Amino acid sequence: MTGDEKQKVLEMRGQGLPFSQIADSFGLSVNTVKSFCRRNMSACDASEDMGNKENKGLCKQCGKKLEQKPKAKPKMFCDDHCRHEWWRSHRNLLKQKVVYRITCACCGASFESYGNKTRKYCSHACYIKDRFGKEDSRDR
């Protein structure tokens, strides 16, 4: 892309045009336009593309202000704990392909296992209890 084309791509994206329409107008692949825009747009504009319009610059879980790094993928969470908690409470948004319904070999509880049909236990504590006949030391 030339300098003029790059500027026009950013302007078109700023107007809200989709990547596919911008790519068609310049004869480029959609992925080329996406990559260029993500690398060269400000963090706030990029977070809008990621579907984070409502909490621009804030952690999705706790609402803490996030420091965005330029030319990097926009952050959506302040740390791993918040990321895990948010996904744990929004499992319906996961794009899961295979979920197996399994009964625990120790306690008999029913649980879901994503992508692993050979899993036997619902937790590490049940594994230790069934395999060694004692309580898990992590539970104390």
N, C-alpha and C. Protein backbone atom coordinates (compact mmCIF):
# COMPACT_ATOMS: atom_id res chain seq x y z
N MET A 1 0.84 -1.18 0.00
CA MET A 1 0.00 0.00 0.00
C MET A 1 0.88 1.24 0.00
N THR A 2 0.45 2.24 -0.75
CA THR A 2 1.16 3.50 -0.74
C THR A 2 0.71 4.33 0.45
N GLY A 3 1.41 5.42 0.70
CA GLY A 3 1.06 6.29 1.83
C GLY A 3 -0.34 6.85 1.71
N ASP A 4 -0.72 7.24 0.48
CA ASP A 4 -2.07 7.79 0.26
C ASP A 4 -3.14 6.73 0.50
N GLU A 5 -2.87 5.51 0.03
CA GLU A 5 -3.84 4.43 0.23
C GLU A 5 -4.01 4.12 1.72
N LYS A 6 -2.89 4.13 2.45
CA LYS A 6 -2.96 3.86 3.89
C LYS A 6 -3.82 4.90 4.59
N GLN A 7 -3.63 6.16 4.22
CA GLN A 7 -4.42 7.24 4.83
C GLN A 7 -5.90 7.09 4.50
N LYS A 8 -6.20 6.73 3.25
CA LYS A 8 -7.60 6.55 2.84
C LYS A 8 -8.24 5.36 3.55
N VAL A 9 -7.46 4.29 3.75
CA VAL A 9 -7.99 3.13 4.47
C VAL A 9 -8.38 3.54 5.88
N LEU A 10 -7.52 4.30 6.56
CA LEU A 10 -7.83 4.74 7.92
C LEU A 10 -9.04 5.66 7.95
N GLU A 11 -9.15 6.55 6.95
CA GLU A 11 -10.31 7.44 6.89
C GLU A 11 -11.59 6.65 6.67
N MET A 12 -11.54 5.69 5.75
CA MET A 12 -12.74 4.88 5.47
C MET A 12 -13.15 4.07 6.71
N ARG A 13 -12.16 3.55 7.41
CA ARG A 13 -12.47 2.77 8.61
C ARG A 13 -13.04 3.68 9.69
N GLY A 14 -12.51 4.90 9.77
CA GLY A 14 -13.03 5.88 10.73
C GLY A 14 -14.48 6.24 10.46
N GLN A 15 -14.89 6.14 9.19
CA GLN A 15 -16.29 6.42 8.82
C GLN A 15 -17.20 5.23 9.11
N GLY A 16 -16.59 4.12 9.53
CA GLY A 16 -17.38 2.96 9.91
C GLY A 16 -17.61 1.95 8.81
N LEU A 17 -16.89 2.09 7.68
CA LEU A 17 -17.06 1.13 6.60
C LEU A 17 -16.46 -0.23 6.99
N PRO A 18 -17.08 -1.32 6.56
CA PRO A 18 -16.57 -2.65 6.91
C PRO A 18 -15.27 -2.96 6.17
N PHE A 19 -14.48 -3.87 6.75
CA PHE A 19 -13.21 -4.25 6.15
C PHE A 19 -13.39 -4.75 4.72
N SER A 20 -14.44 -5.53 4.47
CA SER A 20 -14.64 -6.12 3.15
C SER A 20 -14.85 -5.05 2.08
N GLN A 21 -15.59 -4.00 2.41
CA GLN A 21 -15.84 -2.93 1.44
C GLN A 21 -14.56 -2.15 1.16
N ILE A 22 -13.77 -1.90 2.19
CA ILE A 22 -12.50 -1.19 2.02
C ILE A 22 -11.55 -2.03 1.17
N ALA A 23 -11.48 -3.33 1.45
CA ALA A 23 -10.60 -4.22 0.69
C ALA A 23 -10.98 -4.26 -0.78
N ASP A 24 -12.28 -4.32 -1.06
CA ASP A 24 -12.75 -4.35 -2.45
C ASP A 24 -12.39 -3.07 -3.20
N SER A 25 -12.48 -1.95 -2.52
CA SER A 25 -12.21 -0.68 -3.20
C SER A 25 -10.73 -0.51 -3.56
N PHE A 26 -9.83 -1.18 -2.86
CA PHE A 26 -8.40 -1.08 -3.14
C PHE A 26 -7.84 -2.33 -3.81
N GLY A 27 -8.66 -3.37 -3.95
CA GLY A 27 -8.18 -4.61 -4.55
C GLY A 27 -7.23 -5.39 -3.64
N LEU A 28 -7.48 -5.31 -2.33
CA LEU A 28 -6.64 -5.99 -1.34
C LEU A 28 -7.45 -7.10 -0.69
N SER A 29 -6.75 -7.97 0.05
CA SER A 29 -7.47 -9.00 0.80
C SER A 29 -8.04 -8.37 2.08
N VAL A 30 -9.11 -8.94 2.57
CA VAL A 30 -9.76 -8.44 3.78
C VAL A 30 -8.79 -8.51 4.96
N ASN A 31 -8.02 -9.60 5.04
CA ASN A 31 -7.09 -9.77 6.17
C ASN A 31 -5.98 -8.73 6.15
N THR A 32 -5.56 -8.29 4.97
CA THR A 32 -4.54 -7.25 4.88
C THR A 32 -5.07 -5.95 5.47
N VAL A 33 -6.30 -5.61 5.14
CA VAL A 33 -6.91 -4.39 5.66
C VAL A 33 -7.10 -4.49 7.16
N LYS A 34 -7.58 -5.63 7.64
CA LYS A 34 -7.78 -5.81 9.09
C LYS A 34 -6.47 -5.64 9.84
N SER A 35 -5.42 -6.30 9.36
CA SER A 35 -4.11 -6.22 10.03
C SER A 35 -3.60 -4.80 10.05
N PHE A 36 -3.69 -4.12 8.91
CA PHE A 36 -3.21 -2.74 8.84
C PHE A 36 -3.97 -1.85 9.82
N CYS A 37 -5.29 -1.98 9.85
CA CYS A 37 -6.11 -1.13 10.73
C CYS A 37 -5.80 -1.41 12.20
N ARG A 38 -5.66 -2.64 12.56
CA ARG A 38 -5.39 -2.96 13.95
C ARG A 38 -4.02 -2.47 14.39
N ARG A 39 -3.07 -2.46 13.48
CA ARG A 39 -1.73 -1.99 13.83
C ARG A 39 -1.64 -0.48 13.88
N ASN A 40 -2.48 0.21 13.12
CA ASN A 40 -2.30 1.64 12.94
C ASN A 40 -3.38 2.52 13.53
N MET A 41 -4.46 1.96 14.01
CA MET A 41 -5.50 2.78 14.62
C MET A 41 -5.20 2.92 16.10
N SER A 42 -5.75 3.95 16.72
CA SER A 42 -5.54 4.12 18.16
C SER A 42 -6.22 2.99 18.91
N ALA A 43 -5.84 2.79 20.16
CA ALA A 43 -6.36 1.67 20.95
C ALA A 43 -7.88 1.78 21.14
N CYS A 44 -8.39 2.98 21.26
CA CYS A 44 -9.83 3.14 21.45
C CYS A 44 -10.60 2.73 20.20
N ASP A 45 -10.12 3.12 19.02
CA ASP A 45 -10.78 2.73 17.78
C ASP A 45 -10.73 1.22 17.60
N ALA A 46 -9.59 0.62 17.92
CA ALA A 46 -9.44 -0.82 17.77
C ALA A 46 -10.34 -1.58 18.73
N SER A 47 -10.54 -1.05 19.94
CA SER A 47 -11.41 -1.75 20.89
C SER A 47 -12.86 -1.71 20.44
N GLU A 48 -13.25 -0.69 19.66
CA GLU A 48 -14.60 -0.67 19.11
C GLU A 48 -14.76 -1.81 18.11
N ASP A 49 -13.70 -2.09 17.33
CA ASP A 49 -13.77 -3.19 16.37
C ASP A 49 -13.90 -4.52 17.07
N MET A 50 -13.39 -4.63 18.27
CA MET A 50 -13.42 -5.89 19.00
C MET A 50 -14.76 -6.09 19.72
N GLY A 51 -15.71 -5.18 19.56
CA GLY A 51 -17.01 -5.32 20.20
C GLY A 51 -17.01 -4.84 21.63
N ASN A 52 -16.12 -3.96 21.99
CA ASN A 52 -16.01 -3.46 23.36
C ASN A 52 -16.44 -2.00 23.43
N LYS A 53 -17.51 -1.63 22.71
CA LYS A 53 -17.94 -0.24 22.64
C LYS A 53 -18.46 0.28 23.97
N GLU A 54 -19.14 -0.56 24.73
CA GLU A 54 -19.77 -0.10 25.95
C GLU A 54 -18.78 0.20 27.07
N ASN A 55 -17.66 -0.47 27.13
CA ASN A 55 -16.70 -0.28 28.21
C ASN A 55 -15.34 0.13 27.65
N LYS A 56 -15.33 1.11 26.80
CA LYS A 56 -14.09 1.52 26.14
C LYS A 56 -13.03 1.87 27.18
N GLY A 57 -11.93 1.11 27.22
CA GLY A 57 -10.83 1.41 28.13
C GLY A 57 -11.04 0.92 29.55
N LEU A 58 -12.09 0.13 29.80
CA LEU A 58 -12.36 -0.38 31.14
C LEU A 58 -12.38 -1.91 31.12
N CYS A 59 -11.96 -2.49 32.24
CA CYS A 59 -11.99 -3.95 32.39
C CYS A 59 -13.44 -4.42 32.32
N LYS A 60 -13.70 -5.48 31.54
CA LYS A 60 -15.06 -5.99 31.39
C LYS A 60 -15.61 -6.58 32.68
N GLN A 61 -14.74 -7.05 33.58
CA GLN A 61 -15.20 -7.68 34.81
C GLN A 61 -15.35 -6.68 35.95
N CYS A 62 -14.28 -5.94 36.26
CA CYS A 62 -14.31 -5.09 37.46
C CYS A 62 -14.48 -3.60 37.16
N GLY A 63 -14.31 -3.19 35.89
CA GLY A 63 -14.50 -1.80 35.53
C GLY A 63 -13.29 -0.91 35.77
N LYS A 64 -12.16 -1.51 36.14
CA LYS A 64 -10.94 -0.73 36.37
C LYS A 64 -10.42 -0.19 35.04
N LYS A 65 -9.85 1.04 35.07
CA LYS A 65 -9.32 1.65 33.86
C LYS A 65 -8.11 0.86 33.37
N LEU A 66 -8.07 0.62 32.05
CA LEU A 66 -6.98 -0.15 31.44
C LEU A 66 -6.02 0.77 30.72
N GLU A 67 -4.73 0.44 30.78
CA GLU A 67 -3.73 1.17 30.01
C GLU A 67 -3.48 0.39 28.73
N GLN A 68 -3.86 1.00 27.60
CA GLN A 68 -3.70 0.36 26.32
C GLN A 68 -2.34 0.71 25.74
N LYS A 69 -1.67 -0.27 25.14
CA LYS A 69 -0.38 -0.05 24.49
C LYS A 69 -0.63 0.20 23.01
N PRO A 70 0.05 1.21 22.44
CA PRO A 70 -0.14 1.46 21.01
C PRO A 70 0.39 0.30 20.17
N LYS A 71 -0.25 0.07 19.04
CA LYS A 71 0.12 -0.99 18.10
C LYS A 71 0.07 -2.38 18.72
N ALA A 72 -0.77 -2.56 19.71
CA ALA A 72 -0.97 -3.87 20.34
C ALA A 72 -2.46 -4.17 20.38
N LYS A 73 -2.79 -5.41 20.51
CA LYS A 73 -4.20 -5.80 20.62
C LYS A 73 -4.79 -5.13 21.86
N PRO A 74 -5.96 -4.53 21.75
CA PRO A 74 -6.55 -3.84 22.90
C PRO A 74 -6.87 -4.81 24.04
N LYS A 75 -6.56 -4.38 25.25
CA LYS A 75 -6.87 -5.18 26.43
C LYS A 75 -8.36 -5.09 26.73
N MET A 76 -8.91 -6.16 27.23
CA MET A 76 -10.31 -6.18 27.64
C MET A 76 -10.43 -6.43 29.14
N PHE A 77 -9.35 -6.95 29.77
CA PHE A 77 -9.36 -7.27 31.19
C PHE A 77 -8.09 -6.74 31.83
N CYS A 78 -8.16 -6.43 33.13
CA CYS A 78 -6.99 -5.88 33.83
C CYS A 78 -5.98 -6.97 34.21
N ASP A 79 -6.44 -8.20 34.45
CA ASP A 79 -5.53 -9.29 34.79
C ASP A 79 -6.19 -10.64 34.50
N ASP A 80 -5.44 -11.70 34.71
CA ASP A 80 -5.95 -13.05 34.42
C ASP A 80 -7.14 -13.42 35.30
N HIS A 81 -7.12 -12.98 36.56
CA HIS A 81 -8.23 -13.31 37.46
C HIS A 81 -9.54 -12.77 36.90
N CYS A 82 -9.56 -11.50 36.50
CA CYS A 82 -10.78 -10.91 35.94
C CYS A 82 -11.19 -11.61 34.65
N ARG A 83 -10.21 -11.95 33.81
CA ARG A 83 -10.51 -12.64 32.55
C ARG A 83 -11.17 -13.98 32.83
N HIS A 84 -10.61 -14.76 33.77
CA HIS A 84 -11.19 -16.07 34.11
C HIS A 84 -12.59 -15.93 34.70
N GLU A 85 -12.77 -14.97 35.61
CA GLU A 85 -14.08 -14.78 36.22
C GLU A 85 -15.14 -14.39 35.19
N TRP A 86 -14.77 -13.49 34.27
CA TRP A 86 -15.73 -13.03 33.25
C TRP A 86 -16.13 -14.20 32.36
N TRP A 87 -15.16 -14.99 31.87
CA TRP A 87 -15.49 -16.10 31.00
C TRP A 87 -16.24 -17.20 31.74
N ARG A 88 -15.96 -17.36 33.05
CA ARG A 88 -16.68 -18.36 33.83
C ARG A 88 -18.16 -17.99 33.92
N SER A 89 -18.45 -16.69 34.01
CA SER A 89 -19.85 -16.27 34.12
C SER A 89 -20.51 -16.03 32.75
N HIS A 90 -19.76 -16.11 31.67
CA HIS A 90 -20.30 -15.91 30.32
C HIS A 90 -19.97 -17.09 29.42
N ARG A 91 -20.13 -18.30 29.93
CA ARG A 91 -19.79 -19.50 29.16
C ARG A 91 -20.62 -19.63 27.88
N ASN A 92 -21.79 -19.03 27.86
CA ASN A 92 -22.65 -19.13 26.69
C ASN A 92 -22.05 -18.40 25.48
N LEU A 93 -21.06 -17.51 25.69
CA LEU A 93 -20.43 -16.79 24.59
C LEU A 93 -19.24 -17.54 23.99
N LEU A 94 -18.82 -18.64 24.64
CA LEU A 94 -17.72 -19.43 24.11
C LEU A 94 -18.15 -20.12 22.82
N LYS A 95 -17.24 -20.23 21.89
CA LYS A 95 -17.52 -20.92 20.64
C LYS A 95 -17.04 -22.36 20.77
N GLN A 96 -17.75 -23.12 21.59
CA GLN A 96 -17.36 -24.49 21.86
C GLN A 96 -17.87 -25.40 20.77
N LYS A 97 -17.03 -26.33 20.36
CA LYS A 97 -17.42 -27.27 19.33
C LYS A 97 -17.96 -28.57 19.93
N VAL A 98 -17.28 -29.11 20.96
CA VAL A 98 -17.67 -30.38 21.53
C VAL A 98 -17.69 -30.28 23.05
N VAL A 99 -18.84 -30.51 23.64
CA VAL A 99 -18.96 -30.53 25.09
C VAL A 99 -19.53 -31.90 25.47
N TYR A 100 -18.82 -32.60 26.34
CA TYR A 100 -19.25 -33.93 26.77
C TYR A 100 -19.87 -33.85 28.16
N ARG A 101 -20.97 -34.57 28.36
CA ARG A 101 -21.63 -34.67 29.66
C ARG A 101 -21.12 -35.96 30.30
N ILE A 102 -20.45 -35.84 31.45
CA ILE A 102 -19.80 -36.99 32.09
C ILE A 102 -20.23 -37.08 33.55
N THR A 103 -20.29 -38.30 34.08
CA THR A 103 -20.57 -38.52 35.48
C THR A 103 -19.26 -38.84 36.19
N CYS A 104 -19.00 -38.16 37.29
CA CYS A 104 -17.75 -38.34 38.05
C CYS A 104 -17.68 -39.76 38.61
N ALA A 105 -16.51 -40.40 38.45
CA ALA A 105 -16.32 -41.78 38.91
C ALA A 105 -16.24 -41.87 40.42
N CYS A 106 -16.03 -40.74 41.10
CA CYS A 106 -15.89 -40.76 42.56
C CYS A 106 -17.19 -40.37 43.25
N CYS A 107 -17.66 -39.17 42.97
CA CYS A 107 -18.82 -38.65 43.71
C CYS A 107 -20.15 -38.82 42.98
N GLY A 108 -20.10 -39.16 41.69
CA GLY A 108 -21.33 -39.37 40.93
C GLY A 108 -21.96 -38.10 40.41
N ALA A 109 -21.32 -36.97 40.61
CA ALA A 109 -21.86 -35.70 40.11
C ALA A 109 -21.71 -35.64 38.59
N SER A 110 -22.66 -34.98 37.95
CA SER A 110 -22.61 -34.80 36.51
C SER A 110 -21.90 -33.48 36.21
N PHE A 111 -20.99 -33.48 35.22
CA PHE A 111 -20.27 -32.26 34.86
C PHE A 111 -20.00 -32.24 33.37
N GLU A 112 -19.66 -31.05 32.84
CA GLU A 112 -19.37 -30.89 31.43
C GLU A 112 -17.87 -30.81 31.22
N SER A 113 -17.38 -31.49 30.19
CA SER A 113 -15.97 -31.47 29.84
C SER A 113 -15.86 -31.02 28.40
N TYR A 114 -15.11 -29.95 28.16
CA TYR A 114 -14.94 -29.42 26.82
C TYR A 114 -13.78 -30.12 26.12
N GLY A 115 -14.08 -30.85 25.06
CA GLY A 115 -13.06 -31.45 24.21
C GLY A 115 -12.34 -32.65 24.78
N ASN A 116 -12.74 -33.20 25.91
CA ASN A 116 -12.05 -34.35 26.49
C ASN A 116 -13.08 -35.38 26.94
N LYS A 117 -13.35 -36.36 26.09
CA LYS A 117 -14.38 -37.35 26.43
C LYS A 117 -13.86 -38.45 27.35
N THR A 118 -12.55 -38.50 27.61
CA THR A 118 -11.99 -39.54 28.47
C THR A 118 -11.84 -39.09 29.92
N ARG A 119 -12.22 -37.87 30.22
CA ARG A 119 -12.10 -37.37 31.59
C ARG A 119 -13.00 -38.18 32.52
N LYS A 120 -12.52 -38.47 33.76
CA LYS A 120 -13.28 -39.31 34.69
C LYS A 120 -13.79 -38.57 35.91
N TYR A 121 -13.07 -37.54 36.33
CA TYR A 121 -13.38 -36.89 37.61
C TYR A 121 -13.78 -35.43 37.41
N CYS A 122 -14.66 -34.95 38.28
CA CYS A 122 -15.12 -33.57 38.20
C CYS A 122 -14.10 -32.58 38.76
N SER A 123 -13.20 -33.06 39.63
CA SER A 123 -12.21 -32.17 40.23
C SER A 123 -10.97 -32.97 40.64
N HIS A 124 -9.92 -32.24 40.99
CA HIS A 124 -8.69 -32.88 41.44
C HIS A 124 -8.93 -33.59 42.79
N ALA A 125 -9.78 -32.99 43.61
CA ALA A 125 -10.08 -33.60 44.92
C ALA A 125 -10.71 -34.98 44.75
N CYS A 126 -11.63 -35.12 43.80
CA CYS A 126 -12.25 -36.42 43.55
C CYS A 126 -11.24 -37.42 43.00
N TYR A 127 -10.33 -36.98 42.16
CA TYR A 127 -9.29 -37.85 41.64
C TYR A 127 -8.43 -38.41 42.78
N ILE A 128 -7.97 -37.54 43.68
CA ILE A 128 -7.12 -37.97 44.81
C ILE A 128 -7.89 -38.92 45.72
N LYS A 129 -9.14 -38.58 46.00
CA LYS A 129 -9.96 -39.41 46.90
C LYS A 129 -10.18 -40.81 46.31
N ASP A 130 -10.48 -40.89 45.03
CA ASP A 130 -10.75 -42.17 44.40
C ASP A 130 -9.48 -42.98 44.17
N ARG A 131 -8.42 -42.33 43.78
CA ARG A 131 -7.18 -43.02 43.46
C ARG A 131 -6.40 -43.46 44.69
N PHE A 132 -6.31 -42.58 45.69
CA PHE A 132 -5.48 -42.87 46.86
C PHE A 132 -6.27 -43.08 48.14
N GLY A 133 -7.58 -42.84 48.11
CA GLY A 133 -8.41 -43.07 49.28
C GLY A 133 -8.21 -42.07 50.39
N LYS A 134 -7.77 -40.86 50.07
CA LYS A 134 -7.59 -39.83 51.09
C LYS A 134 -8.03 -38.49 50.54
N GLU A 135 -8.20 -37.54 51.47
CA GLU A 135 -8.62 -36.19 51.08
C GLU A 135 -7.45 -35.46 50.43
N ASP A 136 -7.73 -34.55 49.55
CA ASP A 136 -6.72 -33.74 48.86
C ASP A 136 -6.14 -32.72 49.84
N SER A 137 -4.83 -32.62 49.90
CA SER A 137 -4.18 -31.67 50.81
C SER A 137 -4.41 -30.22 50.38
N ARG A 138 -4.80 -29.99 49.14
CA ARG A 138 -5.07 -28.63 48.66
C ARG A 138 -6.35 -28.05 49.28
N ASP A 139 -7.25 -28.91 49.73
CA ASP A 139 -8.52 -28.46 50.28
C ASP A 139 -8.38 -27.87 51.66
N ARG A 140 -7.28 -28.08 52.31
CA ARG A 140 -7.11 -27.60 53.69
C ARG A 140 -6.72 -26.18 53.75
